[in-house]
Amino acid sequence: MVDIYEQKPWLKFYDKHVPATLQYPDKTFWEAIEPAFKAFPDRVGLHYMGTPFTYKQIDEMSNRFANLLKKIGVKKGDTVGINLPNIPAYYIGLVGIQKAGCVITGVSPLLTAEELNHQLKDSGTKVLVTLDALYPRVIKGIDGTQLKAIVFTGIADYLSPVLATMGKLLKKIPTGKVLPIPGIEIYDFKQVMKSMPADPVAEKVSMDDTCVMQYTGGTTGLPKGAELTHRNIVWQMTQISTWVDTKMGETVGMTCFPLFHIAGLIICMTMFSKAITQVAVPNPRDQKFIIKAMKKHRPNIIGNVPTIFLELMKKPDFKAYDFSDVQFFVSGAAPFPPEYIKEFEKIVGESKLVEVYGLTETSPLITANPRYGKKIAGAVGLPFPDTVIKIVDPATGESVPFNEPGEIAVKGPQVFTKGYFRKPDETAHVLRNGWFHTGDVGKMDEEGFVTIVDRIKDMVNVSGMKVFTRELDDVICEHPDVDLGASVGIPDPERPGSEIVASAIVLKAGIEKSDAEKTKITEYLRGRVAPYKVPKRIEFYDQLPTSAVGKILKREIRTLMAKPK
């Protein structure tokens, strides 16, 4: 009997320009994007707060960075971390790392020193590109790592002299003092761009070598490095550019997705492959800047998490904007509340919102609503070409009927094959019989449209950023006043479609339940975890609900925490 999902009902609803099977280039990442760089050398590849960078400039500057890596002694296959917001050094460093045959790992600027230390050690990062303002935290986070060198840059680097001077005088630009560290070489990014040669660098790597090591949470333990090969990345770029029907050298793209997030990274990489002009957004929370940049650069493609779109919808300047140049909007990393989609499209234009779904382990996209054709509000679309999705019973692994919820399992060229870095057991848990088991609960209708229902994993989605609650619970339980703690996600009343972290805590005997105690625990967590992981709500209980075998029942905690107090 043929599995209902193997019949691929979604193919009937593809846009006419999208074939069921694609022709994929046998090229590594730099080989795949080099033609765009060579064909459009004078086209602006990046706008950064008033400063343009042509594709020729990015090519030459990335050569200088690649030559620095060679000088430091970094070898093919070594990992280089970038710990920055979306500023020029990230875009340039990304390309330079690939030219040097190295692996890029995005390191969130929001990480605490402890979290930073884990990622640097686990990934074996040899060089870290960071912000001068983050330097004090970096110093605390490098003990026991394999770092050979640190390259620092600043927010004001590459701003016009007037903007840079005004920003510093008004203290709107964060800066930091960079001090020597014994045993580690320190380089100024701007000086590197002046002193290192621009001779071309193109270290030979294979399609099956790791291109990106992207850190993600899981069902157990600390964040893990998902190894995405050049084949995963380049073939995913091919899927995306085919699906959205982008033309070479004709488009301006703007996204608030951070480059340290896999969504932001793959968007950037795909845009490079099509010689698209990218507009950098260093601070995605600055809606005034976003709207101002839209007016100046007139982007054709805009990508954000839903919470940013929902915040922009509240701004009169956004509502009054002329959206005739915008071909489509991409929304992902969190669900866009269906009740707001009609309101959004009344502002921006009908059928312009393309919702997508994916995971770090899938490079990341596996589904998207068609650019031109049928869309279903609240659905995350159809499986990409050469991608098969089935909905299975998590207990048995057997397919469930259409429209019934189950775990989403997927196979396709964008799905990682190397697994988690040095984590064979966790890799084997998610890669089974050729299928990647996502841990997400969804359902598919008879036409092949997928809807996300829930998550099996105990993760909380805070504006597109994932919070691994078991890791957070472990930190909470280290507080001397805490006996037991369990964290969940509950709807954020201020940001529809997003969640806040809520923690249920049992205090040790003799500790008073008070607001002062909540403040004490909150301040403690601010020093241990990234800001978005700190619970927005803490409630004290005498005991937590547990199953017959003593397992904490988080579904009941969600119900408890969702009730107003």
Protein backbone atom coordinates (compact mmCIF):
# COMPACT_ATOMS: atom_id res chain seq x y z
CA MET A 1 0.00 0.00 0.00
CA VAL A 2 1.38 3.40 -1.04
CA ASP A 3 1.75 5.92 1.77
CA ILE A 4 -0.66 8.82 1.23
CA TYR A 5 2.16 11.31 1.69
CA GLU A 6 4.40 9.60 -0.89
CA GLN A 7 1.74 10.52 -3.48
CA LYS A 8 2.79 14.19 -3.02
CA PRO A 9 -0.61 15.89 -3.37
CA TRP A 10 1.10 19.27 -2.96
CA LEU A 11 2.62 19.15 -6.45
CA LYS A 12 -0.76 20.11 -7.96
CA PHE A 13 -0.64 23.46 -6.16
CA TYR A 14 2.88 24.55 -7.10
CA ASP A 15 3.21 27.83 -9.00
CA LYS A 16 3.61 27.16 -12.74
CA HIS A 17 7.29 28.13 -12.73
CA VAL A 18 8.18 25.60 -9.99
CA PRO A 19 8.96 22.03 -11.18
CA ALA A 20 8.58 18.98 -8.97
CA THR A 21 12.30 18.25 -9.29
CA LEU A 22 15.08 20.80 -9.65
CA GLN A 23 18.48 20.75 -11.33
CA TYR A 24 21.02 21.41 -8.58
CA PRO A 25 24.51 22.82 -9.16
CA ASP A 26 27.48 20.69 -8.16
CA LYS A 27 29.10 23.70 -6.51
CA THR A 28 30.20 24.68 -3.02
CA PHE A 29 28.90 27.90 -1.48
CA TRP A 30 31.58 30.27 -2.82
CA GLU A 31 31.51 28.57 -6.22
CA ALA A 32 27.73 29.05 -6.27
CA ILE A 33 27.78 32.77 -5.49
CA GLU A 34 30.97 33.76 -7.38
CA PRO A 35 29.18 34.17 -10.74
CA ALA A 36 26.91 36.84 -9.24
CA PHE A 37 29.90 38.71 -7.81
CA LYS A 38 31.72 38.62 -11.15
CA ALA A 39 28.68 39.50 -13.29
CA PHE A 40 27.62 42.51 -11.19
CA PRO A 41 30.81 44.00 -9.67
CA ASP A 42 29.48 47.55 -9.62
CA ARG A 43 26.06 46.70 -8.21
CA VAL A 44 25.55 47.60 -4.54
CA GLY A 45 25.61 44.38 -2.56
CA LEU A 46 24.98 45.96 0.84
CA HIS A 47 23.63 49.20 2.23
CA TYR A 48 24.72 49.88 5.79
CA MET A 49 23.18 52.97 7.35
CA GLY A 50 24.03 55.20 4.41
CA THR A 51 27.24 53.48 3.33
CA PRO A 52 27.08 51.33 0.17
CA PHE A 53 29.33 48.35 -0.57
CA THR A 54 29.53 47.07 -4.14
CA TYR A 55 29.89 43.40 -4.97
CA LYS A 56 33.45 44.12 -6.08
CA GLN A 57 34.23 45.70 -2.70
CA ILE A 58 32.70 42.78 -0.77
CA ASP A 59 34.69 40.36 -2.94
CA GLU A 60 37.98 42.18 -2.27
CA MET A 61 37.30 42.73 1.43
CA SER A 62 36.35 39.09 1.94
CA ASN A 63 39.65 38.13 0.27
CA ARG A 64 41.47 40.28 2.82
CA PHE A 65 39.64 38.52 5.64
CA ALA A 66 40.38 35.10 4.15
CA ASN A 67 44.07 36.04 3.91
CA LEU A 68 44.00 37.04 7.58
CA LEU A 69 42.64 33.60 8.49
CA LYS A 70 45.49 32.01 6.54
CA LYS A 71 48.00 34.23 8.33
CA ILE A 72 46.57 33.24 11.72
CA GLY A 73 47.08 29.60 10.75
CA VAL A 74 43.46 28.56 10.45
CA LYS A 75 43.13 25.41 8.36
CA LYS A 76 40.49 24.03 6.03
CA GLY A 77 37.56 22.75 8.08
CA ASP A 78 38.33 24.87 11.15
CA THR A 79 35.43 26.78 12.71
CA VAL A 80 35.26 30.58 12.76
CA GLY A 81 32.61 32.29 14.88
CA ILE A 82 30.88 35.60 14.19
CA ASN A 83 29.47 37.30 17.28
CA LEU A 84 27.85 40.39 15.74
CA PRO A 85 24.58 42.07 14.82
CA ASN A 86 23.90 42.67 11.11
CA ILE A 87 26.80 45.00 10.32
CA PRO A 88 29.31 44.94 7.41
CA ALA A 89 31.89 42.71 9.09
CA TYR A 90 29.31 39.92 9.28
CA TYR A 91 28.52 39.92 5.56
CA ILE A 92 32.19 40.25 4.61
CA GLY A 93 33.35 37.72 7.19
CA LEU A 94 30.77 35.18 6.02
CA VAL A 95 32.18 35.18 2.48
CA GLY A 96 35.80 35.29 3.64
CA ILE A 97 35.32 32.29 5.94
CA GLN A 98 33.96 30.25 3.03
CA LYS A 99 36.77 31.31 0.70
CA ALA A 100 39.25 30.08 3.33
CA GLY A 101 37.53 26.69 3.39
CA CYS A 102 36.40 27.16 6.97
CA VAL A 103 33.12 26.56 8.77
CA ILE A 104 31.04 29.49 9.99
CA THR A 105 29.19 29.37 13.30
CA GLY A 106 26.87 32.23 14.19
CA VAL A 107 27.28 33.29 17.81
CA SER A 108 24.40 35.33 19.19
CA PRO A 109 25.42 38.67 20.75
CA LEU A 110 22.72 37.97 23.36
CA LEU A 111 24.55 35.01 24.89
CA THR A 112 25.93 35.27 28.40
CA ALA A 113 29.62 34.53 29.00
CA GLU A 114 28.68 31.04 30.17
CA GLU A 115 26.60 30.30 27.08
CA LEU A 116 29.29 31.77 24.83
CA ASN A 117 31.90 29.58 26.47
CA HIS A 118 29.85 26.45 25.79
CA GLN A 119 29.48 27.20 22.09
CA LEU A 120 33.11 28.17 21.57
CA LYS A 121 34.37 25.05 23.32
CA ASP A 122 31.87 22.66 21.79
CA SER A 123 32.48 23.91 18.23
CA GLY A 124 36.26 24.18 18.61
CA THR A 125 36.11 27.75 17.29
CA LYS A 126 39.59 29.03 16.35
CA VAL A 127 38.80 32.66 15.51
CA LEU A 128 36.01 34.88 16.83
CA VAL A 129 34.79 38.07 15.16
CA THR A 130 33.09 40.20 17.77
CA LEU A 131 31.95 43.70 18.68
CA ASP A 132 34.11 45.99 20.77
CA ALA A 133 31.05 46.61 22.97
CA LEU A 134 30.83 42.85 23.67
CA TYR A 135 34.50 42.53 24.55
CA PRO A 136 34.10 42.41 28.36
CA ARG A 137 31.68 39.48 28.03
CA VAL A 138 33.92 37.73 25.51
CA ILE A 139 36.90 37.90 27.88
CA LYS A 140 34.82 36.09 30.52
CA GLY A 141 33.73 33.44 28.02
CA ILE A 142 36.97 32.21 26.47
CA ASP A 143 38.49 30.08 29.24
CA GLY A 144 39.27 26.59 28.03
CA THR A 145 38.52 27.38 24.37
CA GLN A 146 40.74 26.79 21.34
CA LEU A 147 40.69 30.43 20.26
CA LYS A 148 43.79 31.59 18.44
CA ALA A 149 42.61 35.08 17.60
CA ILE A 150 39.85 37.65 18.10
CA VAL A 151 38.90 40.17 15.42
CA PHE A 152 36.93 43.14 16.72
CA THR A 153 34.82 45.72 14.97
CA GLY A 154 32.40 48.47 16.01
CA ILE A 155 28.90 49.65 15.17
CA ALA A 156 30.41 52.95 13.99
CA ASP A 157 32.81 51.22 11.58
CA TYR A 158 31.82 52.13 8.02
CA LEU A 159 29.28 54.72 9.07
CA SER A 160 29.72 58.09 7.40
CA PRO A 161 32.03 60.36 9.49
CA VAL A 162 29.09 62.62 10.37
CA LEU A 163 26.86 59.75 11.58
CA ALA A 164 29.70 58.09 13.46
CA THR A 165 30.69 61.32 15.23
CA MET A 166 27.10 62.26 16.11
CA GLY A 167 26.37 58.75 17.35
CA LYS A 168 29.37 58.75 19.66
CA LEU A 169 28.74 62.27 20.93
CA LEU A 170 25.12 61.46 21.70
CA LYS A 171 26.21 58.10 23.16
CA LYS A 172 23.78 56.26 20.89
CA ILE A 173 26.47 53.90 19.62
CA PRO A 174 27.75 51.35 22.14
CA THR A 175 31.50 50.97 22.26
CA GLY A 176 33.99 49.10 24.39
CA LYS A 177 37.68 49.06 25.21
CA VAL A 178 39.68 46.22 23.67
CA LEU A 179 42.49 44.92 25.86
CA PRO A 180 45.25 42.39 25.14
CA ILE A 181 44.64 38.74 26.09
CA PRO A 182 47.68 36.54 26.76
CA GLY A 183 48.07 33.83 24.13
CA ILE A 184 45.43 35.26 21.78
CA GLU A 185 46.10 37.51 18.78
CA ILE A 186 43.89 40.60 18.58
CA TYR A 187 43.02 42.28 15.26
CA ASP A 188 41.07 45.42 14.35
CA PHE A 189 38.74 44.57 11.44
CA LYS A 190 39.12 47.97 9.77
CA GLN A 191 42.90 47.75 9.97
CA VAL A 192 42.79 44.25 8.51
CA MET A 193 40.86 45.66 5.54
CA LYS A 194 43.70 48.13 4.97
CA SER A 195 46.73 45.95 5.67
CA MET A 196 45.95 42.46 4.36
CA PRO A 197 46.32 41.68 0.64
CA ALA A 198 43.24 41.35 -1.54
CA ASP A 199 44.70 38.42 -3.46
CA PRO A 200 41.95 35.92 -4.32
CA VAL A 201 41.50 33.00 -1.94
CA ALA A 202 39.53 29.88 -2.88
CA GLU A 203 40.39 26.89 -0.72
CA LYS A 204 39.11 23.71 -2.33
CA VAL A 205 36.35 22.00 -0.34
CA SER A 206 33.84 19.31 -1.24
CA MET A 207 30.07 19.34 -1.39
CA ASP A 208 29.98 17.09 1.67
CA ASP A 209 32.23 19.28 3.80
CA THR A 210 30.55 21.29 6.54
CA CYS A 211 29.68 24.84 5.47
CA VAL A 212 27.71 26.03 8.52
CA MET A 213 27.63 24.83 12.12
CA GLN A 214 24.45 26.29 13.50
CA TYR A 215 23.65 25.86 17.19
CA THR A 216 20.21 24.78 18.24
CA GLY A 217 18.47 23.35 21.28
CA GLY A 218 17.06 19.85 21.44
CA THR A 219 15.20 17.48 23.68
CA THR A 220 18.07 17.03 26.10
CA GLY A 221 21.23 18.80 27.19
CA LEU A 222 22.87 22.00 26.02
CA PRO A 223 22.61 23.54 22.52
CA LYS A 224 24.14 21.39 19.78
CA GLY A 225 25.91 22.26 16.55
CA ALA A 226 23.93 21.15 13.51
CA GLU A 227 26.37 20.50 10.67
CA LEU A 228 25.02 21.77 7.36
CA THR A 229 27.10 20.80 4.34
CA HIS A 230 27.77 22.82 1.20
CA ARG A 231 25.31 20.51 -0.55
CA ASN A 232 22.62 21.27 2.06
CA ILE A 233 23.17 25.02 1.81
CA VAL A 234 23.58 25.40 -1.96
CA TRP A 235 20.68 23.11 -2.80
CA GLN A 236 18.49 24.94 -0.27
CA MET A 237 19.49 28.23 -1.94
CA THR A 238 18.39 26.71 -5.25
CA GLN A 239 15.04 25.67 -3.79
CA ILE A 240 14.39 29.12 -2.30
CA SER A 241 15.39 31.18 -5.33
CA THR A 242 13.32 28.96 -7.63
CA TRP A 243 10.27 29.08 -5.33
CA VAL A 244 10.19 32.86 -4.97
CA ASP A 245 11.12 33.45 -8.63
CA THR A 246 13.95 35.92 -8.08
CA LYS A 247 15.87 37.34 -11.03
CA MET A 248 19.60 37.90 -11.11
CA GLY A 249 20.75 41.43 -10.27
CA GLU A 250 17.32 43.08 -10.27
CA THR A 251 16.17 43.10 -6.67
CA VAL A 252 16.58 44.88 -3.33
CA GLY A 253 16.04 42.79 -0.22
CA MET A 254 15.62 43.81 3.39
CA THR A 255 15.29 41.52 6.38
CA CYS A 256 15.39 41.94 10.12
CA PHE A 257 16.35 38.30 10.69
CA PRO A 258 19.73 38.34 12.47
CA LEU A 259 22.55 36.68 10.57
CA PHE A 260 23.41 34.57 13.61
CA HIS A 261 19.99 32.92 13.15
CA ILE A 262 19.81 30.30 10.38
CA ALA A 263 16.90 32.13 8.71
CA GLY A 264 18.88 35.36 8.41
CA LEU A 265 21.97 33.50 7.25
CA ILE A 266 20.27 31.55 4.45
CA ILE A 267 18.43 34.66 3.25
CA CYS A 268 21.75 36.51 3.04
CA MET A 269 23.45 33.60 1.26
CA THR A 270 20.61 33.24 -1.25
CA MET A 271 20.56 36.97 -1.95
CA PHE A 272 24.31 36.91 -2.62
CA SER A 273 23.75 34.14 -5.17
CA LYS A 274 21.32 36.36 -7.09
CA ALA A 275 23.32 39.63 -6.81
CA ILE A 276 20.51 41.13 -4.74
CA THR A 277 21.16 44.41 -2.95
CA GLN A 278 20.77 43.80 0.79
CA VAL A 279 19.78 46.44 3.33
CA ALA A 280 21.36 45.77 6.73
CA VAL A 281 19.19 46.18 9.81
CA PRO A 282 21.49 46.18 12.88
CA ASN A 283 18.68 46.61 15.41
CA PRO A 284 15.44 44.80 14.46
CA ARG A 285 13.59 46.48 17.33
CA ASP A 286 14.12 49.96 15.84
CA GLN A 287 10.92 50.34 13.83
CA LYS A 288 11.69 53.96 12.98
CA PHE A 289 14.94 52.92 11.32
CA ILE A 290 13.21 50.09 9.43
CA ILE A 291 10.57 52.41 7.98
CA LYS A 292 13.17 55.06 7.16
CA ALA A 293 15.33 52.47 5.38
CA MET A 294 12.29 51.22 3.44
CA LYS A 295 11.57 54.74 2.20
CA LYS A 296 15.19 55.26 1.16
CA HIS A 297 15.98 51.93 -0.49
CA ARG A 298 12.54 50.79 -1.73
CA PRO A 299 13.03 47.06 -1.10
CA ASN A 300 11.25 44.49 -3.28
CA ILE A 301 11.50 41.67 -0.72
CA ILE A 302 10.99 42.14 3.03
CA GLY A 303 11.47 39.34 5.55
CA ASN A 304 10.71 39.40 9.27
CA VAL A 305 9.40 37.39 12.17
CA PRO A 306 5.65 38.03 12.69
CA THR A 307 6.15 40.09 15.83
CA ILE A 308 8.08 42.73 13.89
CA PHE A 309 5.40 42.88 11.20
CA LEU A 310 2.74 43.22 13.92
CA GLU A 311 4.65 46.07 15.57
CA LEU A 312 5.12 47.83 12.21
CA MET A 313 1.39 47.59 11.57
CA LYS A 314 0.84 49.91 14.53
CA LYS A 315 2.99 52.66 12.99
CA PRO A 316 1.20 55.36 10.93
CA ASP A 317 4.26 55.78 8.67
CA PHE A 318 4.17 52.08 7.81
CA LYS A 319 0.46 52.17 7.06
CA ALA A 320 0.99 55.19 4.81
CA TYR A 321 3.94 53.67 2.92
CA ASP A 322 3.62 53.01 -0.83
CA PHE A 323 4.09 49.22 -1.08
CA SER A 324 3.88 49.06 -4.88
CA ASP A 325 7.60 48.14 -5.13
CA VAL A 326 7.32 45.27 -2.65
CA GLN A 327 6.84 42.00 -4.51
CA PHE A 328 6.31 39.85 -1.42
CA PHE A 329 6.91 39.56 2.31
CA VAL A 330 8.45 36.49 3.95
CA SER A 331 7.33 35.57 7.47
CA GLY A 332 8.88 32.74 9.45
CA ALA A 333 10.44 31.45 12.69
CA ALA A 334 7.07 31.81 14.46
CA PRO A 335 3.41 31.59 13.42
CA PHE A 336 1.74 34.67 11.96
CA PRO A 337 -1.65 34.86 13.72
CA PRO A 338 -4.26 34.15 11.01
CA GLU A 339 -6.58 36.80 12.41
CA TYR A 340 -3.97 39.47 11.61
CA ILE A 341 -3.11 38.35 8.07
CA LYS A 342 -6.11 40.06 6.44
CA GLU A 343 -5.35 43.27 8.31
CA PHE A 344 -1.69 43.08 7.25
CA GLU A 345 -2.56 42.51 3.59
CA LYS A 346 -5.03 45.40 3.64
CA ILE A 347 -2.00 47.56 4.34
CA VAL A 348 0.64 45.95 2.09
CA GLY A 349 -1.40 44.36 -0.71
CA GLU A 350 -3.40 41.20 -1.21
CA SER A 351 -1.63 37.82 -1.30
CA LYS A 352 1.80 39.33 -0.68
CA LEU A 353 2.56 37.43 2.54
CA VAL A 354 4.50 34.18 2.09
CA GLU A 355 4.67 32.15 5.29
CA VAL A 356 7.45 29.58 5.57
CA TYR A 357 8.43 26.81 7.97
CA GLY A 358 11.66 25.07 8.74
CA LEU A 359 14.25 24.15 11.32
CA THR A 360 17.96 24.64 11.81
CA GLU A 361 18.53 21.01 10.84
CA THR A 362 16.83 21.55 7.47
CA SER A 363 18.96 24.51 6.33
CA PRO A 364 16.22 25.72 7.29
CA LEU A 365 13.17 25.72 4.98
CA ILE A 366 11.00 22.73 4.13
CA THR A 367 7.67 24.39 3.31
CA ALA A 368 6.38 27.71 2.00
CA ASN A 369 3.15 29.12 0.69
CA PRO A 370 3.32 29.72 -3.07
CA ARG A 371 4.48 33.15 -4.11
CA TYR A 372 1.71 33.62 -6.68
CA GLY A 373 -0.81 30.86 -6.14
CA LYS A 374 -3.15 29.62 -3.45
CA LYS A 375 -2.33 30.48 0.15
CA ILE A 376 -4.08 29.36 3.30
CA ALA A 377 -4.05 31.74 6.28
CA GLY A 378 -2.39 30.06 9.22
CA ALA A 379 -0.79 27.35 7.08
CA VAL A 380 2.96 27.28 6.43
CA GLY A 381 2.50 26.11 2.88
CA LEU A 382 3.61 23.19 0.73
CA PRO A 383 6.75 21.05 0.82
CA PHE A 384 9.57 22.33 -1.39
CA PRO A 385 10.61 20.52 -4.58
CA ASP A 386 12.36 17.19 -3.91
CA THR A 387 11.09 17.37 -0.32
CA VAL A 388 8.70 14.85 1.17
CA ILE A 389 6.81 15.44 4.41
CA LYS A 390 4.70 12.93 6.26
CA ILE A 391 2.76 13.27 9.49
CA VAL A 392 3.37 10.34 11.82
CA ASP A 393 2.24 9.00 15.15
CA PRO A 394 5.16 9.89 17.47
CA ALA A 395 4.73 6.61 19.34
CA THR A 396 4.66 4.23 16.35
CA GLY A 397 6.19 6.20 13.49
CA GLU A 398 3.24 5.20 11.30
CA SER A 399 1.61 7.77 9.01
CA VAL A 400 -1.62 9.33 10.23
CA PRO A 401 -4.48 10.35 7.89
CA PHE A 402 -4.74 13.79 6.32
CA ASN A 403 -5.98 16.52 8.68
CA GLU A 404 -4.94 14.58 11.78
CA PRO A 405 -2.13 15.89 13.99
CA GLY A 406 1.14 14.06 14.41
CA GLU A 407 4.87 14.60 14.35
CA ILE A 408 6.27 16.18 11.19
CA ALA A 409 8.91 13.97 9.53
CA VAL A 410 10.81 15.14 6.45
CA LYS A 411 13.39 14.05 3.91
CA GLY A 412 15.00 16.17 1.23
CA PRO A 413 18.34 17.54 -0.01
CA GLN A 414 18.30 20.36 2.54
CA VAL A 415 18.00 18.00 5.53
CA PHE A 416 21.28 17.60 7.39
CA THR A 417 23.01 14.27 6.97
CA LYS A 418 26.07 14.80 9.14
CA GLY A 419 23.89 15.41 12.17
CA TYR A 420 24.89 17.16 15.35
CA PHE A 421 28.59 17.81 15.83
CA ARG A 422 30.07 15.00 17.92
CA LYS A 423 26.61 13.97 19.13
CA PRO A 424 25.93 10.54 17.54
CA ASP A 425 23.20 9.55 20.00
CA GLU A 426 21.21 12.74 19.52
CA THR A 427 21.72 12.49 15.76
CA ALA A 428 20.39 8.93 15.74
CA HIS A 429 17.35 10.06 17.74
CA VAL A 430 16.19 12.50 15.04
CA LEU A 431 17.48 10.81 11.87
CA ARG A 432 15.65 7.51 11.53
CA ASN A 433 15.30 5.39 8.38
CA GLY A 434 16.12 8.33 6.14
CA TRP A 435 13.64 10.70 7.81
CA PHE A 436 14.33 13.68 10.03
CA HIS A 437 11.85 13.75 12.90
CA THR A 438 11.29 17.39 13.71
CA GLY A 439 9.68 17.13 17.15
CA ASP A 440 6.99 19.51 15.87
CA VAL A 441 3.35 18.57 15.76
CA GLY A 442 1.49 19.44 12.58
CA LYS A 443 -1.14 18.26 10.14
CA MET A 444 -1.46 18.20 6.39
CA ASP A 445 -4.66 18.57 4.39
CA GLU A 446 -5.55 16.66 1.21
CA GLU A 447 -3.97 19.37 -0.93
CA GLY A 448 -0.63 19.13 0.85
CA PHE A 449 -0.82 22.35 2.88
CA VAL A 450 0.88 22.00 6.27
CA THR A 451 -0.27 23.62 9.50
CA ILE A 452 1.79 23.69 12.69
CA VAL A 453 -0.26 22.61 15.67
CA ASP A 454 2.13 22.41 18.60
CA ARG A 455 5.66 21.37 19.55
CA ILE A 456 6.80 18.16 21.12
CA LYS A 457 10.02 19.76 22.21
CA ASP A 458 9.81 21.89 25.31
CA MET A 459 10.87 25.02 23.52
CA VAL A 460 9.41 28.47 23.88
CA ASN A 461 9.24 30.78 20.85
CA VAL A 462 10.10 34.34 21.89
CA SER A 463 9.77 36.50 18.77
CA GLY A 464 11.36 33.76 16.69
CA MET A 465 14.14 33.01 19.21
CA LYS A 466 13.96 29.54 20.71
CA VAL A 467 14.30 29.04 24.48
CA PHE A 468 15.28 25.53 25.55
CA THR A 469 13.40 25.25 28.84
CA ARG A 470 15.25 22.30 30.32
CA GLU A 471 18.50 24.26 30.12
CA LEU A 472 16.77 27.22 31.77
CA ASP A 473 15.26 24.98 34.46
CA ASP A 474 18.71 23.64 35.31
CA VAL A 475 19.97 27.19 35.84
CA ILE A 476 16.93 28.11 37.95
CA CYS A 477 17.46 25.10 40.19
CA GLU A 478 21.03 26.21 40.86
CA HIS A 479 19.69 29.24 42.76
CA PRO A 480 20.17 28.60 46.50
CA ASP A 481 16.54 29.47 47.30
CA VAL A 482 15.00 27.15 44.70
CA ASP A 483 13.95 23.59 45.29
CA LEU A 484 12.31 22.89 41.95
CA GLY A 485 11.59 24.88 38.79
CA ALA A 486 9.84 24.28 35.48
CA SER A 487 9.50 26.76 32.63
CA VAL A 488 6.93 26.90 29.84
CA GLY A 489 5.78 29.26 27.13
CA ILE A 490 2.51 31.15 27.39
CA PRO A 491 1.02 33.60 24.86
CA ASP A 492 2.50 37.09 24.97
CA PRO A 493 -0.47 39.46 25.41
CA GLU A 494 1.49 42.31 23.84
CA ARG A 495 2.75 40.37 20.80
CA PRO A 496 0.20 38.04 19.19
CA GLY A 497 1.86 34.93 17.82
CA SER A 498 4.81 35.18 20.18
CA GLU A 499 5.31 33.76 23.66
CA ILE A 500 6.83 34.75 26.96
CA VAL A 501 8.76 32.49 29.29
CA ALA A 502 6.91 31.67 32.49
CA SER A 503 8.50 29.73 35.34
CA ALA A 504 6.76 27.78 38.07
CA ILE A 505 9.01 27.51 41.14
CA VAL A 506 8.94 25.63 44.42
CA LEU A 507 11.06 27.43 47.00
CA LYS A 508 13.09 25.71 49.68
CA ALA A 509 11.64 25.46 53.17
CA GLY A 510 11.82 28.71 55.07
CA ILE A 511 12.03 30.98 52.00
CA GLU A 512 9.16 33.46 51.83
CA LYS A 513 7.07 33.72 48.68
CA SER A 514 7.30 37.40 47.88
CA ASP A 515 7.80 39.91 45.08
CA ALA A 516 11.26 40.58 46.49
CA GLU A 517 12.12 36.89 46.01
CA LYS A 518 10.88 37.04 42.41
CA THR A 519 13.11 40.04 41.79
CA LYS A 520 16.04 38.24 43.38
CA ILE A 521 15.64 35.19 41.12
CA THR A 522 15.09 37.37 38.04
CA GLU A 523 18.29 39.34 38.68
CA TYR A 524 20.17 36.09 39.19
CA LEU A 525 18.96 34.76 35.83
CA ARG A 526 19.90 37.96 34.01
CA GLY A 527 23.49 37.18 34.86
CA ARG A 528 23.27 33.58 33.69
CA VAL A 529 21.17 33.43 30.51
CA ALA A 530 20.45 35.58 27.45
CA PRO A 531 17.84 38.34 28.02
CA TYR A 532 15.11 36.67 25.93
CA LYS A 533 15.39 33.54 28.11
CA VAL A 534 14.71 35.37 31.39
CA PRO A 535 11.15 34.57 32.57
CA LYS A 536 8.71 37.43 32.20
CA ARG A 537 6.52 35.75 34.79
CA ILE A 538 7.45 33.79 37.92
CA GLU A 539 4.92 32.14 40.19
CA PHE A 540 5.57 30.21 43.40
CA TYR A 541 3.82 26.93 44.22
CA ASP A 542 3.94 24.45 47.09
CA GLN A 543 4.36 21.63 44.59
CA LEU A 544 4.35 21.07 40.84
CA PRO A 545 2.01 18.66 39.05
CA THR A 546 3.70 15.35 38.26
CA SER A 547 2.82 12.07 36.56
CA ALA A 548 2.67 8.71 38.28
CA VAL A 549 6.38 8.20 37.67
CA GLY A 550 7.29 11.65 38.99
CA LYS A 551 7.72 13.46 35.67
CA ILE A 552 6.75 17.12 35.79
CA LEU A 553 3.67 17.70 33.65
CA LYS A 554 4.40 20.87 31.74
CA ARG A 555 1.08 20.83 29.95
CA GLU A 556 -0.60 21.32 33.33
CA ILE A 557 1.89 24.01 34.27
CA ARG A 558 1.00 25.87 31.06
CA THR A 559 -2.64 25.79 32.11
CA LEU A 560 -1.76 27.06 35.59
CA MET A 561 0.52 29.82 34.32
CA ALA A 562 -1.92 30.99 31.65
CA LYS A 563 -4.46 31.89 34.35
CA PRO A 564 -4.25 35.54 35.47
CA LYS A 565 -3.19 36.09 39.07
